[in-house]
């Protein structure tokens, strides 16, 4: 605003000069008329300059106000831009982390698929002999677990039945006293119940 003050000072000096020249005595009437016209012109210019100066001052004030408002809005927008940039950076970091996890999962899946394919190839190379050996081994293990107790029960039942039917002669130990006969009969009944309760599949498996 220093230039505005300088302009106001220059206009004031110009007005003072015009007034001082107008007050001087002039002997020649023509010269007096010229001086009067010149003074009128200078006063007119001074008035118009003052009006223009006031208009300029108003324009400058409005411009300053608009500039202040624009600067305030600029600060707000810059703050918004900064927050958005932070969010974008955060999303980029998150995306990078997710991409890393996706790559890791993809690599694990690829490794699992390759391992599965290798196992399938090994099984195809070993062929049906491996499956037959496995089935045979499982069958033997199954028989080893359940056939021995069942055989014992069946053999005990057969011996008792054959003894009571007269096919086999009882030994001296078997014909001791009445108490032993009662115990033997109880064992026969228990064994018969056990045999009867066995599933048919187990009995057929033992017979085979």
N, C-alpha and C. Protein backbone atom coordinates (compact mmCIF):
# COMPACT_ATOMS: atom_id res chain seq x y z
N UNK A 1 0.82 -1.21 0.00
CA UNK A 1 0.00 0.00 0.00
C UNK A 1 0.86 1.27 0.00
N UNK A 2 2.17 1.17 -0.01
CA UNK A 2 3.04 2.36 -0.01
C UNK A 2 2.89 3.15 -1.31
N UNK A 3 2.70 2.45 -2.41
CA UNK A 3 2.53 3.16 -3.68
C UNK A 3 1.26 4.00 -3.68
N UNK A 4 0.22 3.51 -2.94
CA UNK A 4 -1.03 4.27 -2.87
C UNK A 4 -0.82 5.57 -2.08
N UNK A 5 -0.07 5.48 -1.01
CA UNK A 5 0.23 6.69 -0.24
C UNK A 5 1.05 7.69 -1.06
N UNK A 6 2.00 7.17 -1.83
CA UNK A 6 2.79 8.06 -2.70
C UNK A 6 1.92 8.77 -3.73
N UNK A 7 0.96 8.00 -4.27
CA UNK A 7 0.06 8.60 -5.26
C UNK A 7 -0.81 9.68 -4.63
N UNK A 8 -1.30 9.42 -3.41
CA UNK A 8 -2.09 10.44 -2.72
C UNK A 8 -1.26 11.71 -2.44
N UNK A 9 -0.01 11.54 -2.06
CA UNK A 9 0.87 12.70 -1.81
C UNK A 9 1.10 13.52 -3.06
N UNK A 10 1.31 12.81 -4.19
CA UNK A 10 1.53 13.53 -5.45
C UNK A 10 0.29 14.32 -5.86
N UNK A 11 -0.89 13.73 -5.67
CA UNK A 11 -2.12 14.44 -6.02
C UNK A 11 -2.33 15.66 -5.12
N UNK A 12 -1.99 15.50 -3.84
CA UNK A 12 -2.13 16.65 -2.93
C UNK A 12 -1.19 17.79 -3.33
N UNK A 13 0.03 17.47 -3.68
CA UNK A 13 0.98 18.50 -4.12
C UNK A 13 0.50 19.18 -5.40
N UNK A 14 -0.06 18.37 -6.31
CA UNK A 14 -0.57 18.94 -7.57
C UNK A 14 -1.72 19.90 -7.30
N UNK A 15 -2.59 19.55 -6.36
CA UNK A 15 -3.72 20.43 -6.04
C UNK A 15 -3.23 21.73 -5.40
N UNK A 16 -2.26 21.62 -4.53
CA UNK A 16 -1.71 22.82 -3.89
C UNK A 16 -1.08 23.76 -4.92
N UNK A 17 -0.38 23.20 -5.87
CA UNK A 17 0.23 24.02 -6.92
C UNK A 17 -0.84 24.74 -7.74
N UNK A 18 -1.92 24.02 -8.05
CA UNK A 18 -3.00 24.64 -8.84
C UNK A 18 -3.62 25.79 -8.07
N UNK A 19 -3.87 25.58 -6.79
CA UNK A 19 -4.48 26.65 -5.99
C UNK A 19 -3.55 27.86 -5.84
N UNK A 20 -2.27 27.61 -5.68
CA UNK A 20 -1.32 28.73 -5.54
C UNK A 20 -1.21 29.52 -6.82
N UNK A 21 -1.24 28.88 -7.95
CA UNK A 21 -1.19 29.59 -9.22
C UNK A 21 -2.47 30.37 -9.46
N UNK A 22 -3.58 29.86 -8.99
CA UNK A 22 -4.86 30.56 -9.21
C UNK A 22 -4.97 31.83 -8.38
N UNK A 23 -4.29 31.85 -7.27
CA UNK A 23 -4.37 33.04 -6.40
C UNK A 23 -3.39 34.15 -6.79
N UNK A 24 -2.46 33.88 -7.68
CA UNK A 24 -1.51 34.91 -8.11
C UNK A 24 -2.22 35.98 -8.97
N UNK A 25 -1.78 37.26 -8.84
CA UNK A 25 -2.36 38.34 -9.65
C UNK A 25 -1.78 38.32 -11.05
N UNK A 26 -2.65 38.46 -12.02
CA UNK A 26 -2.24 38.47 -13.42
C UNK A 26 -2.72 39.80 -14.04
N UNK A 27 -1.80 40.55 -14.70
CA UNK A 27 -2.17 41.85 -15.29
C UNK A 27 -2.93 41.71 -16.60
N UNK A 28 -2.53 40.73 -17.39
CA UNK A 28 -3.14 40.55 -18.71
C UNK A 28 -4.44 39.76 -18.56
N UNK A 29 -5.57 40.30 -19.11
CA UNK A 29 -6.84 39.56 -18.99
C UNK A 29 -6.81 38.21 -19.71
N UNK A 30 -6.14 38.17 -20.85
CA UNK A 30 -6.08 36.90 -21.58
C UNK A 30 -5.32 35.86 -20.78
N UNK A 31 -4.24 36.34 -20.22
CA UNK A 31 -3.46 35.41 -19.39
C UNK A 31 -4.27 34.95 -18.19
N UNK A 32 -5.06 35.90 -17.63
CA UNK A 32 -5.90 35.53 -16.49
C UNK A 32 -6.93 34.47 -16.89
N UNK A 33 -7.48 34.61 -18.12
CA UNK A 33 -8.45 33.63 -18.60
C UNK A 33 -7.79 32.27 -18.80
N UNK A 34 -6.60 32.28 -19.35
CA UNK A 34 -5.89 31.03 -19.55
C UNK A 34 -5.58 30.34 -18.22
N UNK A 35 -5.19 31.22 -17.27
CA UNK A 35 -4.90 30.66 -15.95
C UNK A 35 -6.15 30.07 -15.33
N UNK A 36 -7.28 30.75 -15.52
CA UNK A 36 -8.55 30.26 -14.96
C UNK A 36 -8.95 28.93 -15.59
N UNK A 37 -8.81 28.87 -16.92
CA UNK A 37 -9.14 27.62 -17.60
C UNK A 37 -8.21 26.49 -17.15
N UNK A 38 -6.97 26.86 -17.05
CA UNK A 38 -5.99 25.82 -16.63
C UNK A 38 -6.30 25.33 -15.23
N UNK A 39 -6.68 26.29 -14.35
CA UNK A 39 -7.02 25.88 -12.98
C UNK A 39 -8.26 25.00 -12.95
N UNK A 40 -9.26 25.38 -13.77
CA UNK A 40 -10.48 24.57 -13.81
C UNK A 40 -10.17 23.15 -14.31
N UNK A 41 -9.32 23.10 -15.35
CA UNK A 41 -8.97 21.78 -15.89
C UNK A 41 -8.22 20.95 -14.87
N UNK A 42 -7.31 21.61 -14.15
CA UNK A 42 -6.53 20.87 -13.17
C UNK A 42 -7.41 20.39 -12.01
N UNK A 43 -8.37 21.24 -11.62
CA UNK A 43 -9.29 20.83 -10.54
C UNK A 43 -10.14 19.66 -10.99
N UNK A 44 -10.59 19.73 -12.26
CA UNK A 44 -11.40 18.63 -12.79
C UNK A 44 -10.61 17.33 -12.80
N UNK A 45 -9.37 17.44 -13.28
CA UNK A 45 -8.52 16.23 -13.32
C UNK A 45 -8.26 15.72 -11.92
N UNK A 46 -8.07 16.67 -10.98
CA UNK A 46 -7.81 16.25 -9.60
C UNK A 46 -9.02 15.53 -9.00
N UNK A 47 -10.21 16.06 -9.28
CA UNK A 47 -11.42 15.41 -8.77
C UNK A 47 -11.59 14.02 -9.37
N UNK A 48 -11.39 13.95 -10.67
CA UNK A 48 -11.54 12.65 -11.31
C UNK A 48 -10.47 11.68 -10.81
N UNK A 49 -9.29 12.21 -10.60
CA UNK A 49 -8.22 11.34 -10.08
C UNK A 49 -8.55 10.84 -8.69
N UNK A 50 -9.17 11.72 -7.89
CA UNK A 50 -9.55 11.29 -6.55
C UNK A 50 -10.62 10.20 -6.60
N UNK A 51 -11.58 10.38 -7.52
CA UNK A 51 -12.63 9.35 -7.66
C UNK A 51 -12.01 8.02 -8.12
N UNK A 52 -11.14 8.14 -9.12
CA UNK A 52 -10.48 6.93 -9.63
C UNK A 52 -9.66 6.26 -8.54
N UNK A 53 -9.01 7.12 -7.74
CA UNK A 53 -8.20 6.58 -6.65
C UNK A 53 -9.07 5.84 -5.63
N UNK A 54 -10.23 6.42 -5.32
CA UNK A 54 -11.13 5.75 -4.39
C UNK A 54 -11.63 4.41 -4.96
N UNK A 55 -11.93 4.43 -6.26
CA UNK A 55 -12.37 3.18 -6.90
C UNK A 55 -11.27 2.13 -6.82
N UNK A 56 -10.03 2.60 -7.08
CA UNK A 56 -8.90 1.66 -7.02
C UNK A 56 -8.75 1.09 -5.62
N UNK A 57 -8.93 1.98 -4.62
CA UNK A 57 -8.81 1.52 -3.23
C UNK A 57 -9.87 0.46 -2.92
N UNK A 58 -11.11 0.72 -3.38
CA UNK A 58 -12.19 -0.27 -3.15
C UNK A 58 -11.87 -1.59 -3.84
N UNK A 59 -11.39 -1.48 -5.08
CA UNK A 59 -11.05 -2.71 -5.82
C UNK A 59 -9.96 -3.49 -5.12
N UNK A 60 -8.97 -2.74 -4.62
CA UNK A 60 -7.86 -3.41 -3.92
C UNK A 60 -8.36 -4.09 -2.65
N UNK A 61 -9.26 -3.42 -1.92
CA UNK A 61 -9.80 -4.04 -0.70
C UNK A 61 -10.57 -5.32 -1.02
N UNK A 62 -11.41 -5.22 -2.07
CA UNK A 62 -12.18 -6.42 -2.46
C UNK A 62 -11.24 -7.53 -2.90
N UNK A 63 -10.20 -7.13 -3.66
CA UNK A 63 -9.24 -8.14 -4.13
C UNK A 63 -8.50 -8.79 -2.95
N UNK A 64 -8.13 -7.96 -1.97
CA UNK A 64 -7.46 -8.51 -0.78
C UNK A 64 -8.37 -9.47 -0.02
N UNK A 65 -9.65 -9.08 0.09
CA UNK A 65 -10.60 -9.96 0.77
C UNK A 65 -10.75 -11.29 0.03
N UNK A 66 -10.88 -11.17 -1.30
CA UNK A 66 -10.99 -12.40 -2.09
C UNK A 66 -9.72 -13.24 -1.98
N UNK A 67 -8.57 -12.57 -1.96
CA UNK A 67 -7.32 -13.31 -1.84
C UNK A 67 -7.24 -14.03 -0.50
N UNK A 68 -7.66 -13.34 0.57
CA UNK A 68 -7.64 -13.98 1.90
C UNK A 68 -8.56 -15.19 1.93
N UNK A 69 -9.75 -15.03 1.33
CA UNK A 69 -10.68 -16.17 1.28
C UNK A 69 -10.11 -17.31 0.46
N UNK A 70 -9.47 -16.94 -0.67
CA UNK A 70 -8.87 -17.98 -1.51
C UNK A 70 -7.73 -18.68 -0.78
N UNK A 71 -6.94 -17.93 -0.03
CA UNK A 71 -5.85 -18.54 0.73
C UNK A 71 -6.39 -19.48 1.81
N UNK A 72 -7.49 -19.05 2.46
CA UNK A 72 -8.10 -19.92 3.47
C UNK A 72 -8.61 -21.22 2.85
N UNK A 73 -9.29 -21.09 1.71
CA UNK A 73 -9.78 -22.28 1.02
C UNK A 73 -8.62 -23.15 0.54
N UNK A 74 -7.54 -22.50 0.12
CA UNK A 74 -6.37 -23.26 -0.33
C UNK A 74 -5.77 -24.07 0.81
N UNK A 75 -5.70 -23.47 2.00
CA UNK A 75 -5.18 -24.20 3.16
C UNK A 75 -6.07 -25.40 3.48
N UNK A 76 -7.39 -25.19 3.41
CA UNK A 76 -8.32 -26.30 3.68
C UNK A 76 -8.15 -27.42 2.66
N UNK A 77 -8.07 -27.04 1.39
CA UNK A 77 -7.91 -28.05 0.34
C UNK A 77 -6.56 -28.77 0.45
N UNK A 78 -5.52 -28.04 0.81
CA UNK A 78 -4.22 -28.68 1.00
C UNK A 78 -4.25 -29.68 2.15
N UNK A 79 -4.99 -29.34 3.21
CA UNK A 79 -5.15 -30.27 4.32
C UNK A 79 -5.89 -31.53 3.88
N UNK A 80 -6.95 -31.33 3.07
CA UNK A 80 -7.68 -32.49 2.54
C UNK A 80 -6.78 -33.35 1.66
N UNK A 81 -6.00 -32.68 0.83
CA UNK A 81 -5.09 -33.41 -0.06
C UNK A 81 -4.07 -34.21 0.75
N UNK A 82 -3.57 -33.62 1.83
CA UNK A 82 -2.59 -34.33 2.68
C UNK A 82 -3.22 -35.57 3.30
N UNK A 83 -4.47 -35.43 3.79
CA UNK A 83 -5.14 -36.59 4.38
C UNK A 83 -5.39 -37.67 3.33
N UNK A 84 -5.79 -37.24 2.14
CA UNK A 84 -6.02 -38.22 1.08
C UNK A 84 -4.73 -38.91 0.68
N UNK A 85 -3.64 -38.17 0.63
CA UNK A 85 -2.36 -38.78 0.30
C UNK A 85 -1.95 -39.81 1.36
N UNK A 86 -2.21 -39.49 2.64
CA UNK A 86 -1.91 -40.44 3.71
C UNK A 86 -2.76 -41.71 3.56
N UNK A 87 -4.05 -41.53 3.23
CA UNK A 87 -4.92 -42.69 3.04
C UNK A 87 -4.46 -43.52 1.85
N UNK A 88 -4.07 -42.84 0.77
CA UNK A 88 -3.58 -43.57 -0.40
C UNK A 88 -2.33 -44.36 -0.06
N UNK A 89 -1.43 -43.73 0.69
CA UNK A 89 -0.20 -44.42 1.09
C UNK A 89 -0.52 -45.62 1.98
N UNK A 90 -1.47 -45.45 2.90
CA UNK A 90 -1.87 -46.56 3.77
C UNK A 90 -2.47 -47.70 2.96
N UNK A 91 -3.33 -47.35 2.00
CA UNK A 91 -3.94 -48.38 1.15
C UNK A 91 -2.88 -49.08 0.30
N UNK A 92 -1.88 -48.34 -0.14
CA UNK A 92 -0.81 -48.97 -0.92
C UNK A 92 -0.03 -49.97 -0.07
N UNK A 93 0.25 -49.60 1.19
CA UNK A 93 0.93 -50.54 2.09
C UNK A 93 0.08 -51.78 2.34
N UNK A 94 -1.22 -51.56 2.56
CA UNK A 94 -2.13 -52.68 2.79
C UNK A 94 -2.20 -53.57 1.56
N UNK A 95 -2.28 -52.96 0.39
CA UNK A 95 -2.32 -53.73 -0.85
C UNK A 95 -1.04 -54.52 -1.04
N UNK A 96 0.08 -53.92 -0.70
CA UNK A 96 1.36 -54.63 -0.81
C UNK A 96 1.40 -55.83 0.13
N UNK A 97 0.90 -55.64 1.37
CA UNK A 97 0.87 -56.76 2.32
C UNK A 97 -0.05 -57.87 1.83
N UNK A 98 -1.22 -57.49 1.32
CA UNK A 98 -2.16 -58.50 0.80
C UNK A 98 -1.57 -59.22 -0.40
N UNK A 99 -0.87 -58.49 -1.24
CA UNK A 99 -0.24 -59.12 -2.40
C UNK A 99 0.81 -60.13 -1.95
N UNK A 100 1.56 -59.77 -0.89
CA UNK A 100 2.54 -60.72 -0.36
C UNK A 100 1.88 -61.98 0.17
N UNK A 101 0.75 -61.83 0.88
CA UNK A 101 0.03 -63.00 1.39
C UNK A 101 -0.51 -63.84 0.25
N UNK A 102 -1.03 -63.17 -0.78
CA UNK A 102 -1.55 -63.91 -1.94
C UNK A 102 -0.43 -64.69 -2.61
N UNK A 103 0.73 -64.07 -2.76
CA UNK A 103 1.86 -64.78 -3.36
C UNK A 103 2.28 -65.97 -2.52
N UNK A 104 2.27 -65.80 -1.18
CA UNK A 104 2.65 -66.91 -0.30
C UNK A 104 1.65 -68.06 -0.40
N UNK A 105 0.36 -67.73 -0.39
CA UNK A 105 -0.67 -68.77 -0.51
C UNK A 105 -0.57 -69.46 -1.87
N UNK A 106 -0.33 -68.69 -2.91
CA UNK A 106 -0.19 -69.28 -4.24
C UNK A 106 1.00 -70.23 -4.30
N UNK A 107 2.11 -69.83 -3.68
CA UNK A 107 3.29 -70.69 -3.67
C UNK A 107 3.02 -71.98 -2.89
N UNK A 108 2.33 -71.85 -1.75
CA UNK A 108 2.00 -73.06 -0.98
C UNK A 108 1.09 -73.98 -1.77
N UNK A 109 0.10 -73.40 -2.43
CA UNK A 109 -0.81 -74.22 -3.23
C UNK A 109 -0.07 -74.91 -4.37
N UNK A 110 0.84 -74.18 -4.99
CA UNK A 110 1.61 -74.78 -6.08
C UNK A 110 2.48 -75.93 -5.57
N UNK A 111 3.08 -75.73 -4.38
CA UNK A 111 3.89 -76.79 -3.79
C UNK A 111 3.04 -78.01 -3.46
N UNK A 112 1.85 -77.78 -2.92
CA UNK A 112 0.96 -78.90 -2.60
C UNK A 112 0.55 -79.65 -3.85
N UNK A 113 0.26 -78.91 -4.91
CA UNK A 113 -0.13 -79.57 -6.17
C UNK A 113 1.02 -80.39 -6.72
N UNK A 114 2.24 -79.84 -6.68
CA UNK A 114 3.40 -80.58 -7.17
C UNK A 114 3.64 -81.83 -6.33
N UNK A 115 3.51 -81.71 -5.01
CA UNK A 115 3.68 -82.87 -4.13
C UNK A 115 2.64 -83.93 -4.43
N UNK A 116 1.40 -83.50 -4.62
CA UNK A 116 0.34 -84.46 -4.94
C UNK A 116 0.62 -85.16 -6.27
N UNK A 117 1.05 -84.40 -7.26
CA UNK A 117 1.35 -85.01 -8.56
C UNK A 117 2.49 -86.02 -8.43
N UNK A 118 3.50 -85.70 -7.63
CA UNK A 118 4.60 -86.64 -7.44
C UNK A 118 4.13 -87.91 -6.75
N UNK A 119 3.25 -87.78 -5.75
CA UNK A 119 2.72 -88.97 -5.07
C UNK A 119 1.90 -89.82 -6.02
N UNK A 120 1.11 -89.15 -6.85
CA UNK A 120 0.31 -89.90 -7.83
C UNK A 120 1.21 -90.65 -8.80
N UNK A 121 2.29 -90.01 -9.24
CA UNK A 121 3.22 -90.68 -10.15
C UNK A 121 3.88 -91.88 -9.48
N UNK A 122 4.26 -91.72 -8.20
CA UNK A 122 4.87 -92.83 -7.47
C UNK A 122 3.91 -94.00 -7.35
N UNK A 123 2.65 -93.70 -7.04
CA UNK A 123 1.66 -94.77 -6.93
C UNK A 123 1.42 -95.44 -8.27
N UNK A 124 1.42 -94.65 -9.33
CA UNK A 124 1.24 -95.24 -10.66
C UNK A 124 2.42 -96.13 -11.03
N UNK A 125 3.63 -95.75 -10.62
CA UNK A 125 4.81 -96.57 -10.92
C UNK A 125 4.78 -97.86 -10.12
N UNK A 126 4.40 -97.79 -8.85
CA UNK A 126 4.37 -98.98 -8.01
C UNK A 126 3.26 -99.93 -8.44
N UNK A 127 2.20 -99.39 -8.99
CA UNK A 127 1.20 -100.20 -9.64
C UNK A 127 0.31 -100.99 -8.72
N UNK A 128 -0.40 -102.00 -9.30
CA UNK A 128 -1.37 -102.78 -8.53
C UNK A 128 -0.74 -103.66 -7.47
N UNK A 129 0.57 -104.00 -7.63
CA UNK A 129 1.21 -104.89 -6.65
C UNK A 129 1.22 -104.26 -5.27
N UNK A 130 1.42 -102.94 -5.23
CA UNK A 130 1.42 -102.26 -3.94
C UNK A 130 0.04 -102.31 -3.30
N UNK A 131 -0.99 -102.09 -4.12
CA UNK A 131 -2.35 -102.15 -3.58
C UNK A 131 -2.69 -103.55 -3.09
N UNK A 132 -2.25 -104.60 -3.86
CA UNK A 132 -2.53 -105.97 -3.45
C UNK A 132 -1.79 -106.30 -2.15
N UNK A 133 -0.53 -105.86 -2.05
CA UNK A 133 0.23 -106.13 -0.83
C UNK A 133 -0.39 -105.40 0.35
N UNK A 134 -0.85 -104.20 0.11
CA UNK A 134 -1.46 -103.45 1.20
C UNK A 134 -2.75 -104.11 1.66
N UNK A 135 -3.56 -104.54 0.70
CA UNK A 135 -4.81 -105.20 1.07
C UNK A 135 -4.54 -106.50 1.81
N UNK A 136 -3.52 -107.26 1.36
CA UNK A 136 -3.18 -108.52 2.03
C UNK A 136 -2.69 -108.26 3.44
N UNK A 137 -1.85 -107.26 3.58
CA UNK A 137 -1.33 -106.94 4.91
C UNK A 137 -2.46 -106.51 5.84
N UNK A 138 -3.37 -105.68 5.33
CA UNK A 138 -4.50 -105.26 6.16
C UNK A 138 -5.37 -106.44 6.54
N UNK A 139 -5.55 -107.36 5.60
CA UNK A 139 -6.36 -108.54 5.91
C UNK A 139 -5.71 -109.40 6.97
N UNK A 140 -4.39 -109.58 6.90
CA UNK A 140 -3.69 -110.38 7.91
C UNK A 140 -3.75 -109.70 9.27
N UNK A 141 -3.57 -108.40 9.25
CA UNK A 141 -3.68 -107.70 10.53
C UNK A 141 -5.08 -107.85 11.11
N UNK A 142 -6.08 -107.80 10.26
CA UNK A 142 -7.45 -107.94 10.75
C UNK A 142 -7.67 -109.33 11.32
N UNK A 143 -7.18 -110.34 10.60
CA UNK A 143 -7.32 -111.72 11.09
C UNK A 143 -6.53 -111.92 12.37
N UNK A 144 -5.37 -111.33 12.45
CA UNK A 144 -4.55 -111.50 13.65
C UNK A 144 -5.18 -110.88 14.88
N UNK A 145 -5.99 -109.91 14.67
CA UNK A 145 -6.59 -109.25 15.82
C UNK A 145 -7.80 -110.01 16.34
N UNK A 146 -8.67 -110.47 15.44
CA UNK A 146 -9.95 -111.00 15.93
C UNK A 146 -10.09 -112.51 15.77
N UNK A 147 -9.21 -113.19 15.01
CA UNK A 147 -9.47 -114.61 14.74
C UNK A 147 -9.06 -115.50 15.90
N UNK A 148 -8.01 -115.15 16.62
CA UNK A 148 -7.52 -116.04 17.69
C UNK A 148 -8.54 -116.17 18.81
N UNK A 149 -9.10 -115.11 19.35
CA UNK A 149 -10.13 -115.28 20.38
C UNK A 149 -11.34 -116.06 19.88
N UNK A 150 -11.74 -115.79 18.64
CA UNK A 150 -12.91 -116.50 18.11
C UNK A 150 -12.61 -117.98 17.95
N UNK A 151 -11.40 -118.30 17.48
CA UNK A 151 -11.03 -119.71 17.35
C UNK A 151 -11.05 -120.41 18.69
N UNK A 152 -10.53 -119.75 19.69
CA UNK A 152 -10.54 -120.36 21.02
C UNK A 152 -11.95 -120.64 21.49
N UNK A 153 -12.84 -119.68 21.30
CA UNK A 153 -14.23 -119.87 21.72
C UNK A 153 -14.87 -121.02 20.95
N UNK A 154 -14.66 -121.02 19.63
CA UNK A 154 -15.26 -122.08 18.81
C UNK A 154 -14.71 -123.46 19.18
N UNK A 155 -13.40 -123.55 19.37
CA UNK A 155 -12.81 -124.85 19.72
C UNK A 155 -13.30 -125.32 21.07
N UNK A 156 -13.40 -124.41 22.03
CA UNK A 156 -13.91 -124.79 23.34
C UNK A 156 -15.34 -125.27 23.24
N UNK A 157 -16.14 -124.57 22.43
CA UNK A 157 -17.54 -124.98 22.27
C UNK A 157 -17.64 -126.35 21.61
N UNK A 158 -16.84 -126.57 20.58
CA UNK A 158 -16.88 -127.86 19.87
C UNK A 158 -16.47 -128.99 20.80
N UNK A 159 -15.41 -128.79 21.57
CA UNK A 159 -14.96 -129.83 22.50
C UNK A 159 -16.01 -130.15 23.54
N UNK A 160 -16.63 -129.12 24.08
CA UNK A 160 -17.66 -129.36 25.10
C UNK A 160 -18.85 -130.09 24.51
N UNK A 161 -19.27 -129.65 23.32
CA UNK A 161 -20.42 -130.30 22.68
C UNK A 161 -20.11 -131.75 22.36
N UNK A 162 -18.92 -132.01 21.82
CA UNK A 162 -18.54 -133.39 21.48
C UNK A 162 -18.44 -134.25 22.74
N UNK A 163 -17.98 -133.68 23.83
CA UNK A 163 -17.87 -134.44 25.08
C UNK A 163 -19.24 -134.82 25.61
N UNK A 164 -20.16 -133.90 25.61
CA UNK A 164 -21.50 -134.18 26.13
C UNK A 164 -22.28 -135.08 25.19
N UNK A 165 -21.98 -135.03 23.92
CA UNK A 165 -22.71 -135.90 22.99
C UNK A 165 -22.14 -137.30 22.93
N UNK A 166 -21.01 -137.56 23.58
CA UNK A 166 -20.43 -138.89 23.60
C UNK A 166 -19.43 -139.16 22.52
N UNK A 167 -19.18 -138.18 21.70
CA UNK A 167 -18.18 -138.40 20.66
C UNK A 167 -16.81 -138.53 21.27
N UNK A 168 -16.53 -137.70 22.24
CA UNK A 168 -15.28 -137.80 22.98
C UNK A 168 -15.58 -138.32 24.38
N UNK A 169 -14.72 -139.21 24.87
CA UNK A 169 -14.89 -139.74 26.22
C UNK A 169 -14.28 -138.77 27.22
N UNK A 170 -15.01 -138.54 28.29
CA UNK A 170 -14.46 -137.64 29.30
C UNK A 170 -13.32 -138.28 30.04
N UNK A 171 -12.35 -137.49 30.39
CA UNK A 171 -11.21 -137.97 31.16
C UNK A 171 -11.55 -138.01 32.62
N UNK A 172 -10.62 -138.52 33.39
CA UNK A 172 -10.87 -138.60 34.83
C UNK A 172 -11.05 -137.23 35.46
N UNK A 173 -10.28 -136.28 34.94
CA UNK A 173 -10.41 -134.93 35.50
C UNK A 173 -11.76 -134.33 35.22
N UNK A 174 -12.37 -134.72 34.11
CA UNK A 174 -13.65 -134.16 33.73
C UNK A 174 -14.79 -134.78 34.51
N UNK A 175 -14.61 -136.02 35.12
CA UNK A 175 -15.68 -136.71 35.86
C UNK A 175 -15.38 -136.74 37.33
N UNK A 176 -14.93 -135.69 37.86
CA UNK A 176 -14.54 -135.65 39.28
C UNK A 176 -15.73 -135.71 40.20
N UNK A 177 -16.40 -134.64 40.36
CA UNK A 177 -17.52 -134.58 41.27
C UNK A 177 -18.62 -133.73 40.66
N UNK A 178 -19.67 -133.60 41.38
CA UNK A 178 -20.84 -132.89 40.87
C UNK A 178 -20.57 -131.40 40.71
N UNK A 179 -19.72 -130.89 41.59
CA UNK A 179 -19.41 -129.46 41.52
C UNK A 179 -18.68 -129.13 40.23
N UNK A 180 -17.75 -130.01 39.84
CA UNK A 180 -17.01 -129.76 38.59
C UNK A 180 -17.94 -129.85 37.39
N UNK A 181 -18.91 -130.80 37.43
CA UNK A 181 -19.85 -130.91 36.32
C UNK A 181 -20.70 -129.65 36.19
N UNK A 182 -21.07 -129.11 37.33
CA UNK A 182 -21.87 -127.87 37.29
C UNK A 182 -21.06 -126.72 36.69
N UNK A 183 -19.80 -126.62 37.09
CA UNK A 183 -18.93 -125.57 36.54
C UNK A 183 -18.74 -125.75 35.05
N UNK A 184 -18.55 -127.01 34.63
CA UNK A 184 -18.37 -127.29 33.20
C UNK A 184 -19.61 -126.93 32.41
N UNK A 185 -20.78 -127.25 32.99
CA UNK A 185 -22.03 -126.92 32.30
C UNK A 185 -22.19 -125.41 32.16
N UNK A 186 -21.82 -124.72 33.22
CA UNK A 186 -21.91 -123.25 33.16
C UNK A 186 -20.99 -122.70 32.08
N UNK A 187 -19.78 -123.24 31.97
CA UNK A 187 -18.85 -122.80 30.92
C UNK A 187 -19.41 -123.08 29.53
N UNK A 188 -20.07 -124.25 29.41
CA UNK A 188 -20.66 -124.60 28.11
C UNK A 188 -21.74 -123.60 27.73
N UNK A 189 -22.60 -123.30 28.70
CA UNK A 189 -23.68 -122.34 28.41
C UNK A 189 -23.12 -120.97 28.04
N UNK A 190 -22.10 -120.55 28.81
CA UNK A 190 -21.48 -119.24 28.52
C UNK A 190 -20.84 -119.22 27.14
N UNK A 191 -20.13 -120.30 26.83
CA UNK A 191 -19.47 -120.38 25.52
C UNK A 191 -20.48 -120.40 24.39
N UNK A 192 -21.59 -121.11 24.60
CA UNK A 192 -22.63 -121.17 23.57
C UNK A 192 -23.23 -119.79 23.34
N UNK A 193 -23.45 -119.06 24.42
CA UNK A 193 -23.97 -117.70 24.28
C UNK A 193 -22.99 -116.81 23.53
N UNK A 194 -21.69 -116.97 23.83
CA UNK A 194 -20.69 -116.16 23.14
C UNK A 194 -20.66 -116.48 21.65
N UNK A 195 -20.75 -117.75 21.34
CA UNK A 195 -20.75 -118.14 19.92
C UNK A 195 -21.99 -117.64 19.23
N UNK A 196 -23.11 -117.73 19.91
CA UNK A 196 -24.36 -117.29 19.31
C UNK A 196 -24.37 -115.78 19.07
N UNK A 197 -23.72 -115.06 19.97
CA UNK A 197 -23.68 -113.60 19.83
C UNK A 197 -22.68 -113.11 18.80
N UNK A 198 -21.80 -113.98 18.31
CA UNK A 198 -20.82 -113.54 17.31
C UNK A 198 -21.51 -113.21 16.00
N UNK A 199 -21.02 -112.19 15.29
CA UNK A 199 -21.60 -111.88 13.98
C UNK A 199 -21.27 -112.97 12.97
N UNK A 200 -22.18 -113.15 12.03
CA UNK A 200 -22.00 -114.19 11.02
C UNK A 200 -20.76 -113.93 10.16
N UNK A 201 -20.45 -112.65 9.95
CA UNK A 201 -19.29 -112.34 9.13
C UNK A 201 -18.01 -112.85 9.77
N UNK A 202 -17.91 -112.74 11.12
CA UNK A 202 -16.71 -113.22 11.82
C UNK A 202 -16.61 -114.73 11.74
N UNK A 203 -17.75 -115.41 11.92
CA UNK A 203 -17.73 -116.88 11.86
C UNK A 203 -17.36 -117.35 10.46
N UNK A 204 -17.95 -116.70 9.44
CA UNK A 204 -17.61 -117.10 8.07
C UNK A 204 -16.16 -116.82 7.77
N UNK A 205 -15.61 -115.73 8.34
CA UNK A 205 -14.20 -115.41 8.14
C UNK A 205 -13.31 -116.48 8.74
N UNK A 206 -13.68 -117.00 9.94
CA UNK A 206 -12.88 -118.05 10.58
C UNK A 206 -12.96 -119.34 9.80
N UNK A 207 -14.14 -119.65 9.30
CA UNK A 207 -14.29 -120.89 8.54
C UNK A 207 -13.45 -120.86 7.29
N UNK A 208 -13.42 -119.71 6.63
CA UNK A 208 -12.59 -119.59 5.43
C UNK A 208 -11.12 -119.76 5.77
